Amino acid sequence: MLEEYLPIILFACLVAVLWLVGTYNNFIKRRNMIEEQWSGIDVALKRRYNLIPSLIKAVKGYGKHESELLQKTTEQRVGENSVTQRAVNESEISRTLNGLLAVAEQYPDLKASNNFLVLQHSLNEIEKEIQQARQRYNAAVRKFNTLVESFPSNLMAKMFNFEPYNYFTLELATQRELPDVDF
């Protein structure tokens, strides 16, 4: 009697093993995509850090306090790897950078300086790259987290300790907040 059901049992076992292997490989593929996207964010942020000393030099005489604060903030961020902590540090740098740009707005000489205009344009371009890299990273995180939380792949995630990733949120220095309108 068992012999009659042996092909069905073997087929079911084969399907289960193939599903396990496929799902595990899908987790690995998505995790690697997240790491690849994170490196894109890291490259764009490093480009921004390389630009900051030039901006500080350009604004130094006009906004001494903001320049010093930005310098201290960028020095503190070295060695931080956690996505959540990195987002906090990067947002702090962005706020300080935004303050530095606001100082420039108050000084027509600086604002009209060709060197400063080039630096500001470069910063805008880098911030666009950061925004795009962040969106790609968050899309990869969303796909991975959906896999971790969806049934039946969540069983596999628990078995192999795949944990959801955090999204990377970041305030950019060139973002302008909308003014409050009170009627």
N, C-alpha and C. Protein backbone atom coordinates (compact mmCIF):
# COMPACT_ATOMS: atom_id res chain seq x y z
N MET A 1 0.81 -1.19 0.00
CA MET A 1 0.00 0.00 0.00
C MET A 1 0.86 1.27 0.00
N LEU A 2 1.92 1.27 0.81
CA LEU A 2 2.83 2.42 0.87
C LEU A 2 3.51 2.62 -0.48
N GLU A 3 3.75 1.53 -1.19
CA GLU A 3 4.41 1.59 -2.49
C GLU A 3 3.58 2.37 -3.50
N GLU A 4 2.26 2.32 -3.35
CA GLU A 4 1.39 3.06 -4.26
C GLU A 4 1.58 4.58 -4.11
N TYR A 5 1.81 5.02 -2.88
CA TYR A 5 1.91 6.46 -2.59
C TYR A 5 3.35 6.97 -2.60
N LEU A 6 4.31 6.08 -2.75
CA LEU A 6 5.72 6.46 -2.73
C LEU A 6 6.06 7.51 -3.78
N PRO A 7 5.63 7.41 -5.03
CA PRO A 7 5.94 8.47 -6.01
C PRO A 7 5.34 9.82 -5.62
N ILE A 8 4.15 9.82 -5.06
CA ILE A 8 3.51 11.08 -4.64
C ILE A 8 4.28 11.69 -3.46
N ILE A 9 4.67 10.86 -2.52
CA ILE A 9 5.44 11.34 -1.35
C ILE A 9 6.80 11.88 -1.80
N LEU A 10 7.47 11.16 -2.68
CA LEU A 10 8.78 11.62 -3.18
C LEU A 10 8.63 12.94 -3.95
N PHE A 11 7.59 13.04 -4.77
CA PHE A 11 7.34 14.28 -5.51
C PHE A 11 7.08 15.45 -4.56
N ALA A 12 6.29 15.22 -3.53
CA ALA A 12 5.99 16.26 -2.54
C ALA A 12 7.27 16.69 -1.81
N CYS A 13 8.10 15.72 -1.46
CA CYS A 13 9.37 16.05 -0.79
C CYS A 13 10.29 16.84 -1.71
N LEU A 14 10.33 16.44 -2.97
CA LEU A 14 11.16 17.14 -3.94
C LEU A 14 10.68 18.59 -4.12
N VAL A 15 9.38 18.79 -4.22
CA VAL A 15 8.82 20.13 -4.35
C VAL A 15 9.16 20.96 -3.12
N ALA A 16 9.03 20.37 -1.92
CA ALA A 16 9.34 21.08 -0.68
C ALA A 16 10.82 21.49 -0.63
N VAL A 17 11.71 20.58 -1.02
CA VAL A 17 13.15 20.88 -1.00
C VAL A 17 13.46 21.98 -2.03
N LEU A 18 12.89 21.88 -3.21
CA LEU A 18 13.12 22.92 -4.23
C LEU A 18 12.60 24.27 -3.76
N TRP A 19 11.46 24.29 -3.09
CA TRP A 19 10.91 25.55 -2.57
C TRP A 19 11.85 26.13 -1.51
N LEU A 20 12.34 25.28 -0.60
CA LEU A 20 13.26 25.75 0.44
C LEU A 20 14.53 26.35 -0.17
N VAL A 21 15.11 25.65 -1.12
CA VAL A 21 16.33 26.14 -1.76
C VAL A 21 16.05 27.45 -2.50
N GLY A 22 14.97 27.50 -3.25
CA GLY A 22 14.62 28.71 -4.00
C GLY A 22 14.36 29.91 -3.08
N THR A 23 13.63 29.67 -2.01
CA THR A 23 13.34 30.75 -1.07
C THR A 23 14.61 31.24 -0.37
N TYR A 24 15.45 30.31 0.06
CA TYR A 24 16.71 30.70 0.71
C TYR A 24 17.56 31.54 -0.25
N ASN A 25 17.67 31.09 -1.49
CA ASN A 25 18.46 31.84 -2.47
C ASN A 25 17.85 33.22 -2.74
N ASN A 26 16.53 33.31 -2.70
CA ASN A 26 15.87 34.60 -2.88
C ASN A 26 16.23 35.55 -1.73
N PHE A 27 16.27 35.05 -0.51
CA PHE A 27 16.69 35.87 0.64
C PHE A 27 18.12 36.38 0.44
N ILE A 28 19.00 35.50 0.03
CA ILE A 28 20.41 35.88 -0.17
C ILE A 28 20.52 36.92 -1.28
N LYS A 29 19.80 36.72 -2.38
CA LYS A 29 19.84 37.67 -3.50
C LYS A 29 19.36 39.05 -3.04
N ARG A 30 18.27 39.09 -2.30
CA ARG A 30 17.71 40.38 -1.86
C ARG A 30 18.63 41.04 -0.83
N ARG A 31 19.23 40.26 0.05
CA ARG A 31 20.17 40.83 1.03
C ARG A 31 21.37 41.45 0.31
N ASN A 32 21.88 40.75 -0.70
CA ASN A 32 23.00 41.29 -1.47
C ASN A 32 22.62 42.56 -2.22
N MET A 33 21.38 42.62 -2.71
CA MET A 33 20.91 43.84 -3.38
C MET A 33 20.87 45.02 -2.40
N ILE A 34 20.46 44.76 -1.16
CA ILE A 34 20.43 45.81 -0.14
C ILE A 34 21.85 46.31 0.12
N GLU A 35 22.79 45.39 0.26
CA GLU A 35 24.18 45.80 0.50
C GLU A 35 24.74 46.59 -0.68
N GLU A 36 24.38 46.19 -1.90
CA GLU A 36 24.84 46.92 -3.08
C GLU A 36 24.24 48.33 -3.09
N GLN A 37 22.97 48.46 -2.78
CA GLN A 37 22.33 49.78 -2.75
C GLN A 37 22.90 50.64 -1.63
N TRP A 38 23.23 50.01 -0.49
CA TRP A 38 23.83 50.77 0.62
C TRP A 38 25.18 51.34 0.19
N SER A 39 25.93 50.58 -0.59
CA SER A 39 27.23 51.10 -1.02
C SER A 39 27.04 52.30 -1.95
N GLY A 40 25.94 52.32 -2.72
CA GLY A 40 25.64 53.49 -3.55
C GLY A 40 25.37 54.72 -2.71
N ILE A 41 24.65 54.55 -1.61
CA ILE A 41 24.40 55.66 -0.68
C ILE A 41 25.72 56.12 -0.09
N ASP A 42 26.54 55.17 0.32
CA ASP A 42 27.81 55.48 0.96
C ASP A 42 28.72 56.28 0.02
N VAL A 43 28.77 55.91 -1.24
CA VAL A 43 29.60 56.62 -2.22
C VAL A 43 29.11 58.07 -2.37
N ALA A 44 27.79 58.24 -2.49
CA ALA A 44 27.25 59.60 -2.65
C ALA A 44 27.51 60.44 -1.40
N LEU A 45 27.38 59.84 -0.22
CA LEU A 45 27.65 60.58 1.01
C LEU A 45 29.12 60.96 1.12
N LYS A 46 30.00 60.08 0.68
CA LYS A 46 31.44 60.40 0.70
C LYS A 46 31.75 61.55 -0.25
N ARG A 47 31.07 61.59 -1.39
CA ARG A 47 31.26 62.72 -2.31
C ARG A 47 30.83 64.01 -1.64
N ARG A 48 29.74 63.94 -0.87
CA ARG A 48 29.27 65.14 -0.16
C ARG A 48 30.29 65.55 0.90
N TYR A 49 30.85 64.58 1.63
CA TYR A 49 31.87 64.92 2.64
C TYR A 49 33.09 65.57 2.01
N ASN A 50 33.46 65.11 0.81
CA ASN A 50 34.60 65.70 0.13
C ASN A 50 34.33 67.13 -0.31
N LEU A 51 33.06 67.46 -0.55
CA LEU A 51 32.68 68.80 -0.97
C LEU A 51 32.59 69.76 0.22
N ILE A 52 32.29 69.25 1.39
CA ILE A 52 32.05 70.09 2.56
C ILE A 52 33.25 70.99 2.91
N PRO A 53 34.49 70.49 2.91
CA PRO A 53 35.60 71.40 3.23
C PRO A 53 35.69 72.62 2.29
N SER A 54 35.37 72.40 1.01
CA SER A 54 35.40 73.52 0.07
C SER A 54 34.30 74.53 0.39
N LEU A 55 33.13 74.02 0.74
CA LEU A 55 32.03 74.92 1.14
C LEU A 55 32.40 75.69 2.41
N ILE A 56 33.01 75.00 3.34
CA ILE A 56 33.42 75.66 4.59
C ILE A 56 34.40 76.79 4.30
N LYS A 57 35.38 76.53 3.42
CA LYS A 57 36.34 77.58 3.06
C LYS A 57 35.65 78.77 2.41
N ALA A 58 34.69 78.48 1.54
CA ALA A 58 34.01 79.56 0.84
C ALA A 58 33.18 80.43 1.78
N VAL A 59 32.63 79.85 2.82
CA VAL A 59 31.71 80.57 3.70
C VAL A 59 32.39 80.97 5.02
N LYS A 60 33.61 80.51 5.23
CA LYS A 60 34.30 80.67 6.51
C LYS A 60 34.21 82.08 7.10
N GLY A 61 34.53 83.06 6.34
CA GLY A 61 34.51 84.41 6.87
C GLY A 61 33.11 84.92 7.18
N TYR A 62 32.12 84.39 6.50
CA TYR A 62 30.77 84.89 6.67
C TYR A 62 30.02 84.18 7.79
N GLY A 63 30.18 82.91 7.90
CA GLY A 63 29.42 82.15 8.90
C GLY A 63 30.33 81.27 9.72
N LYS A 64 31.15 81.89 10.55
CA LYS A 64 32.16 81.17 11.33
C LYS A 64 31.53 80.09 12.20
N HIS A 65 30.45 80.42 12.91
CA HIS A 65 29.81 79.46 13.81
C HIS A 65 29.32 78.24 13.03
N GLU A 66 28.61 78.44 11.91
CA GLU A 66 28.07 77.33 11.14
C GLU A 66 29.20 76.49 10.54
N SER A 67 30.26 77.15 10.11
CA SER A 67 31.39 76.42 9.52
C SER A 67 32.04 75.50 10.56
N GLU A 68 32.25 76.03 11.76
CA GLU A 68 32.87 75.23 12.82
C GLU A 68 31.96 74.07 13.22
N LEU A 69 30.67 74.33 13.32
CA LEU A 69 29.71 73.30 13.69
C LEU A 69 29.68 72.19 12.64
N LEU A 70 29.70 72.56 11.38
CA LEU A 70 29.69 71.58 10.30
C LEU A 70 30.97 70.74 10.31
N GLN A 71 32.09 71.39 10.56
CA GLN A 71 33.36 70.67 10.62
C GLN A 71 33.34 69.63 11.74
N LYS A 72 32.87 70.02 12.93
CA LYS A 72 32.78 69.09 14.07
C LYS A 72 31.83 67.94 13.75
N THR A 73 30.70 68.25 13.16
CA THR A 73 29.70 67.23 12.85
C THR A 73 30.24 66.21 11.87
N THR A 74 30.93 66.65 10.83
CA THR A 74 31.45 65.71 9.84
C THR A 74 32.58 64.86 10.42
N GLU A 75 33.35 65.41 11.33
CA GLU A 75 34.42 64.63 11.96
C GLU A 75 33.85 63.54 12.86
N GLN A 76 32.71 63.79 13.49
CA GLN A 76 32.12 62.83 14.41
C GLN A 76 31.54 61.62 13.70
N ARG A 77 31.14 61.73 12.46
CA ARG A 77 30.44 60.66 11.77
C ARG A 77 31.34 59.48 11.38
N VAL A 78 32.62 59.63 11.44
CA VAL A 78 33.54 58.58 11.00
C VAL A 78 33.33 57.31 11.83
N GLY A 79 33.23 56.17 11.16
CA GLY A 79 33.15 54.88 11.83
C GLY A 79 31.74 54.41 12.15
N GLU A 80 30.72 55.11 11.74
CA GLU A 80 29.34 54.72 12.06
C GLU A 80 28.79 53.82 10.97
N ASN A 81 28.29 52.63 11.36
CA ASN A 81 27.81 51.68 10.36
C ASN A 81 26.32 51.39 10.45
N SER A 82 25.69 51.58 11.59
CA SER A 82 24.27 51.30 11.74
C SER A 82 23.46 52.24 10.86
N VAL A 83 22.49 51.68 10.13
CA VAL A 83 21.68 52.50 9.22
C VAL A 83 20.94 53.58 10.00
N THR A 84 20.36 53.21 11.13
CA THR A 84 19.60 54.17 11.93
C THR A 84 20.49 55.30 12.44
N GLN A 85 21.64 54.95 13.01
CA GLN A 85 22.55 55.97 13.53
C GLN A 85 23.14 56.80 12.41
N ARG A 86 23.42 56.16 11.30
CA ARG A 86 23.97 56.90 10.16
C ARG A 86 22.96 57.92 9.64
N ALA A 87 21.67 57.53 9.62
CA ALA A 87 20.62 58.46 9.18
C ALA A 87 20.54 59.66 10.11
N VAL A 88 20.66 59.43 11.42
CA VAL A 88 20.63 60.53 12.39
C VAL A 88 21.81 61.46 12.15
N ASN A 89 23.00 60.90 12.01
CA ASN A 89 24.21 61.71 11.79
C ASN A 89 24.13 62.49 10.48
N GLU A 90 23.69 61.82 9.42
CA GLU A 90 23.60 62.48 8.12
C GLU A 90 22.56 63.60 8.13
N SER A 91 21.46 63.40 8.83
CA SER A 91 20.44 64.45 8.92
C SER A 91 20.97 65.65 9.69
N GLU A 92 21.77 65.38 10.71
CA GLU A 92 22.39 66.48 11.47
C GLU A 92 23.35 67.28 10.57
N ILE A 93 24.12 66.57 9.77
CA ILE A 93 25.02 67.24 8.83
C ILE A 93 24.21 68.06 7.84
N SER A 94 23.11 67.49 7.36
CA SER A 94 22.26 68.21 6.39
C SER A 94 21.68 69.48 6.99
N ARG A 95 21.23 69.41 8.25
CA ARG A 95 20.68 70.61 8.90
C ARG A 95 21.75 71.67 9.05
N THR A 96 22.95 71.27 9.43
CA THR A 96 24.04 72.22 9.59
C THR A 96 24.43 72.80 8.23
N LEU A 97 24.48 71.96 7.23
CA LEU A 97 24.79 72.40 5.87
C LEU A 97 23.73 73.38 5.38
N ASN A 98 22.48 73.11 5.71
CA ASN A 98 21.38 74.00 5.34
C ASN A 98 21.58 75.36 6.01
N GLY A 99 22.02 75.36 7.29
CA GLY A 99 22.31 76.61 7.99
C GLY A 99 23.43 77.37 7.31
N LEU A 100 24.42 76.63 6.84
CA LEU A 100 25.55 77.25 6.15
C LEU A 100 25.08 77.90 4.85
N LEU A 101 24.21 77.22 4.12
CA LEU A 101 23.66 77.78 2.88
C LEU A 101 22.78 78.99 3.17
N ALA A 102 22.08 78.97 4.30
CA ALA A 102 21.25 80.11 4.68
C ALA A 102 22.11 81.33 4.97
N VAL A 103 23.28 81.12 5.57
CA VAL A 103 24.21 82.22 5.82
C VAL A 103 24.64 82.83 4.49
N ALA A 104 24.89 81.99 3.51
CA ALA A 104 25.32 82.46 2.20
C ALA A 104 24.24 83.34 1.56
N GLU A 105 22.99 83.00 1.80
CA GLU A 105 21.89 83.79 1.23
C GLU A 105 21.92 85.23 1.75
N GLN A 106 22.45 85.44 2.94
CA GLN A 106 22.47 86.77 3.56
C GLN A 106 23.59 87.65 3.02
N TYR A 107 24.54 87.07 2.30
CA TYR A 107 25.69 87.83 1.83
C TYR A 107 25.74 87.82 0.30
N PRO A 108 25.33 88.91 -0.31
CA PRO A 108 25.29 88.97 -1.79
C PRO A 108 26.65 88.71 -2.44
N ASP A 109 27.74 89.17 -1.79
CA ASP A 109 29.07 88.95 -2.37
C ASP A 109 29.38 87.47 -2.49
N LEU A 110 29.08 86.75 -1.42
CA LEU A 110 29.34 85.31 -1.39
C LEU A 110 28.41 84.60 -2.36
N LYS A 111 27.15 84.97 -2.33
CA LYS A 111 26.14 84.34 -3.17
C LYS A 111 26.46 84.52 -4.65
N ALA A 112 27.07 85.64 -5.00
CA ALA A 112 27.40 85.92 -6.40
C ALA A 112 28.76 85.34 -6.81
N SER A 113 29.52 84.87 -5.83
CA SER A 113 30.85 84.32 -6.13
C SER A 113 30.73 83.09 -7.03
N ASN A 114 31.49 83.10 -8.11
CA ASN A 114 31.44 81.98 -9.05
C ASN A 114 31.85 80.67 -8.37
N ASN A 115 32.86 80.74 -7.53
CA ASN A 115 33.33 79.55 -6.82
C ASN A 115 32.21 78.98 -5.95
N PHE A 116 31.53 79.84 -5.23
CA PHE A 116 30.45 79.38 -4.36
C PHE A 116 29.30 78.81 -5.18
N LEU A 117 28.98 79.44 -6.31
CA LEU A 117 27.90 78.95 -7.17
C LEU A 117 28.21 77.55 -7.70
N VAL A 118 29.46 77.32 -8.08
CA VAL A 118 29.87 76.00 -8.56
C VAL A 118 29.74 74.97 -7.43
N LEU A 119 30.18 75.35 -6.23
CA LEU A 119 30.08 74.45 -5.08
C LEU A 119 28.62 74.13 -4.76
N GLN A 120 27.78 75.15 -4.82
CA GLN A 120 26.36 74.96 -4.52
C GLN A 120 25.71 74.05 -5.58
N HIS A 121 26.07 74.24 -6.83
CA HIS A 121 25.56 73.37 -7.89
C HIS A 121 26.01 71.92 -7.67
N SER A 122 27.27 71.75 -7.31
CA SER A 122 27.80 70.41 -7.04
C SER A 122 27.04 69.76 -5.89
N LEU A 123 26.78 70.54 -4.85
CA LEU A 123 26.03 70.01 -3.71
C LEU A 123 24.63 69.58 -4.14
N ASN A 124 23.98 70.39 -4.96
CA ASN A 124 22.65 70.02 -5.46
C ASN A 124 22.68 68.70 -6.22
N GLU A 125 23.69 68.53 -7.07
CA GLU A 125 23.82 67.30 -7.85
C GLU A 125 24.07 66.10 -6.94
N ILE A 126 24.95 66.27 -5.97
CA ILE A 126 25.25 65.18 -5.05
C ILE A 126 24.01 64.81 -4.23
N GLU A 127 23.27 65.80 -3.81
CA GLU A 127 22.07 65.53 -3.01
C GLU A 127 21.01 64.81 -3.84
N LYS A 128 20.96 65.11 -5.14
CA LYS A 128 20.04 64.35 -6.01
C LYS A 128 20.49 62.89 -6.09
N GLU A 129 21.80 62.67 -6.19
CA GLU A 129 22.33 61.31 -6.22
C GLU A 129 22.01 60.57 -4.92
N ILE A 130 22.17 61.27 -3.80
CA ILE A 130 21.86 60.66 -2.50
C ILE A 130 20.39 60.27 -2.45
N GLN A 131 19.54 61.16 -2.92
CA GLN A 131 18.10 60.89 -2.91
C GLN A 131 17.76 59.67 -3.77
N GLN A 132 18.35 59.58 -4.94
CA GLN A 132 18.10 58.44 -5.83
C GLN A 132 18.64 57.14 -5.22
N ALA A 133 19.83 57.21 -4.65
CA ALA A 133 20.42 56.02 -4.03
C ALA A 133 19.58 55.58 -2.83
N ARG A 134 19.07 56.54 -2.08
CA ARG A 134 18.22 56.22 -0.93
C ARG A 134 16.93 55.54 -1.39
N GLN A 135 16.36 56.03 -2.48
CA GLN A 135 15.13 55.41 -3.00
C GLN A 135 15.38 53.98 -3.47
N ARG A 136 16.51 53.75 -4.14
CA ARG A 136 16.83 52.39 -4.58
C ARG A 136 17.06 51.47 -3.38
N TYR A 137 17.77 51.98 -2.37
CA TYR A 137 18.02 51.20 -1.17
C TYR A 137 16.70 50.84 -0.48
N ASN A 138 15.84 51.82 -0.30
CA ASN A 138 14.56 51.58 0.39
C ASN A 138 13.68 50.62 -0.41
N ALA A 139 13.74 50.65 -1.73
CA ALA A 139 12.98 49.70 -2.54
C ALA A 139 13.49 48.28 -2.32
N ALA A 140 14.81 48.12 -2.26
CA ALA A 140 15.39 46.80 -2.00
C ALA A 140 15.03 46.32 -0.59
N VAL A 141 15.04 47.24 0.38
CA VAL A 141 14.65 46.89 1.75
C VAL A 141 13.19 46.47 1.79
N ARG A 142 12.33 47.20 1.08
CA ARG A 142 10.90 46.87 1.06
C ARG A 142 10.68 45.46 0.52
N LYS A 143 11.36 45.09 -0.55
CA LYS A 143 11.22 43.75 -1.13
C LYS A 143 11.70 42.68 -0.16
N PHE A 144 12.84 42.93 0.48
CA PHE A 144 13.37 41.96 1.45
C PHE A 144 12.43 41.83 2.64
N ASN A 145 11.99 42.96 3.19
CA ASN A 145 11.11 42.92 4.35
C ASN A 145 9.78 42.23 4.03
N THR A 146 9.27 42.43 2.82
CA THR A 146 8.04 41.75 2.41
C THR A 146 8.26 40.24 2.39
N LEU A 147 9.42 39.82 1.91
CA LEU A 147 9.75 38.40 1.89
C LEU A 147 9.87 37.85 3.32
N VAL A 148 10.47 38.63 4.22
CA VAL A 148 10.64 38.20 5.61
C VAL A 148 9.29 38.07 6.32
N GLU A 149 8.36 38.95 5.98
CA GLU A 149 7.10 39.01 6.71
C GLU A 149 5.96 38.23 6.06
N SER A 150 6.13 37.80 4.82
CA SER A 150 5.05 37.10 4.10
C SER A 150 5.07 35.61 4.38
N PHE A 151 3.88 35.03 4.42
CA PHE A 151 3.77 33.59 4.58
C PHE A 151 3.86 32.94 3.21
N PRO A 152 4.53 31.88 3.01
CA PRO A 152 5.23 31.00 3.94
C PRO A 152 6.72 31.30 4.07
N SER A 153 7.21 32.31 3.34
CA SER A 153 8.65 32.61 3.41
C SER A 153 9.06 33.10 4.79
N ASN A 154 8.09 33.60 5.60
CA ASN A 154 8.45 34.04 6.95
C ASN A 154 8.92 32.86 7.81
N LEU A 155 8.45 31.65 7.50
CA LEU A 155 8.92 30.45 8.21
C LEU A 155 10.40 30.22 7.93
N MET A 156 10.76 30.40 6.68
CA MET A 156 12.17 30.26 6.28
C MET A 156 13.01 31.37 6.93
N ALA A 157 12.47 32.57 6.97
CA ALA A 157 13.19 33.69 7.58
C ALA A 157 13.48 33.41 9.05
N LYS A 158 12.49 32.88 9.75
CA LYS A 158 12.71 32.55 11.17
C LYS A 158 13.74 31.44 11.32
N MET A 159 13.67 30.46 10.43
CA MET A 159 14.58 29.33 10.50
C MET A 159 16.04 29.77 10.34
N PHE A 160 16.28 30.73 9.45
CA PHE A 160 17.65 31.16 9.16
C PHE A 160 17.97 32.55 9.72
N ASN A 161 17.14 33.05 10.62
CA ASN A 161 17.36 34.33 11.31
C ASN A 161 17.51 35.52 10.36
N PHE A 162 16.71 35.57 9.31
CA PHE A 162 16.68 36.74 8.45
C PHE A 162 15.77 37.77 9.12
N GLU A 163 16.33 38.92 9.44
CA GLU A 163 15.58 39.99 10.12
C GLU A 163 15.29 41.12 9.15
N PRO A 164 14.17 41.82 9.34
CA PRO A 164 13.88 42.97 8.47
C PRO A 164 14.96 44.06 8.63
N TYR A 165 15.21 44.76 7.55
CA TYR A 165 16.14 45.88 7.56
C TYR A 165 15.38 47.17 7.87
N ASN A 166 16.11 48.18 8.34
CA ASN A 166 15.52 49.51 8.54
C ASN A 166 15.62 50.31 7.26
N TYR A 167 14.62 51.14 7.04
CA TYR A 167 14.66 52.06 5.90
C TYR A 167 15.62 53.19 6.23
N PHE A 168 16.17 53.79 5.19
CA PHE A 168 17.10 54.91 5.36
C PHE A 168 16.37 56.20 5.01
N THR A 169 16.10 56.99 6.02
CA THR A 169 15.45 58.28 5.80
C THR A 169 16.48 59.37 6.06
N LEU A 170 16.42 60.40 5.27
CA LEU A 170 17.45 61.43 5.37
C LEU A 170 16.90 62.77 4.94
N GLU A 171 17.17 63.76 5.76
CA GLU A 171 16.88 65.15 5.39
C GLU A 171 18.05 65.62 4.55
N LEU A 172 17.76 66.22 3.43
CA LEU A 172 18.85 66.73 2.60
C LEU A 172 19.00 68.23 2.80
N ALA A 173 20.22 68.70 2.69
CA ALA A 173 20.50 70.12 2.94
C ALA A 173 19.80 71.03 1.94
N THR A 174 19.57 70.54 0.75
CA THR A 174 18.96 71.39 -0.27
C THR A 174 17.43 71.30 -0.27
N GLN A 175 16.89 70.46 0.62
CA GLN A 175 15.43 70.40 0.73
C GLN A 175 14.95 71.67 1.40
N ARG A 176 13.89 72.19 0.91
CA ARG A 176 13.30 73.39 1.51
C ARG A 176 11.99 72.97 2.16
N GLU A 177 11.83 73.35 3.42
CA GLU A 177 10.56 73.07 4.09
C GLU A 177 9.53 74.07 3.62
N LEU A 178 8.31 73.60 3.46
CA LEU A 178 7.23 74.50 3.09
C LEU A 178 6.87 75.36 4.29
N PRO A 179 6.62 76.63 4.07
CA PRO A 179 6.26 77.49 5.19
C PRO A 179 4.87 77.13 5.71
N ASP A 180 4.68 77.33 7.02
CA ASP A 180 3.37 77.12 7.61
C ASP A 180 2.44 78.24 7.14
N VAL A 181 1.27 77.84 6.70
CA VAL A 181 0.28 78.82 6.26
C VAL A 181 -0.88 78.74 7.23
N ASP A 182 -1.19 79.87 7.85
CA ASP A 182 -2.25 79.90 8.84
C ASP A 182 -3.32 80.86 8.36
N PHE A 183 -4.52 80.35 8.17
CA PHE A 183 -5.62 81.20 7.69
C PHE A 183 -6.42 81.74 8.86
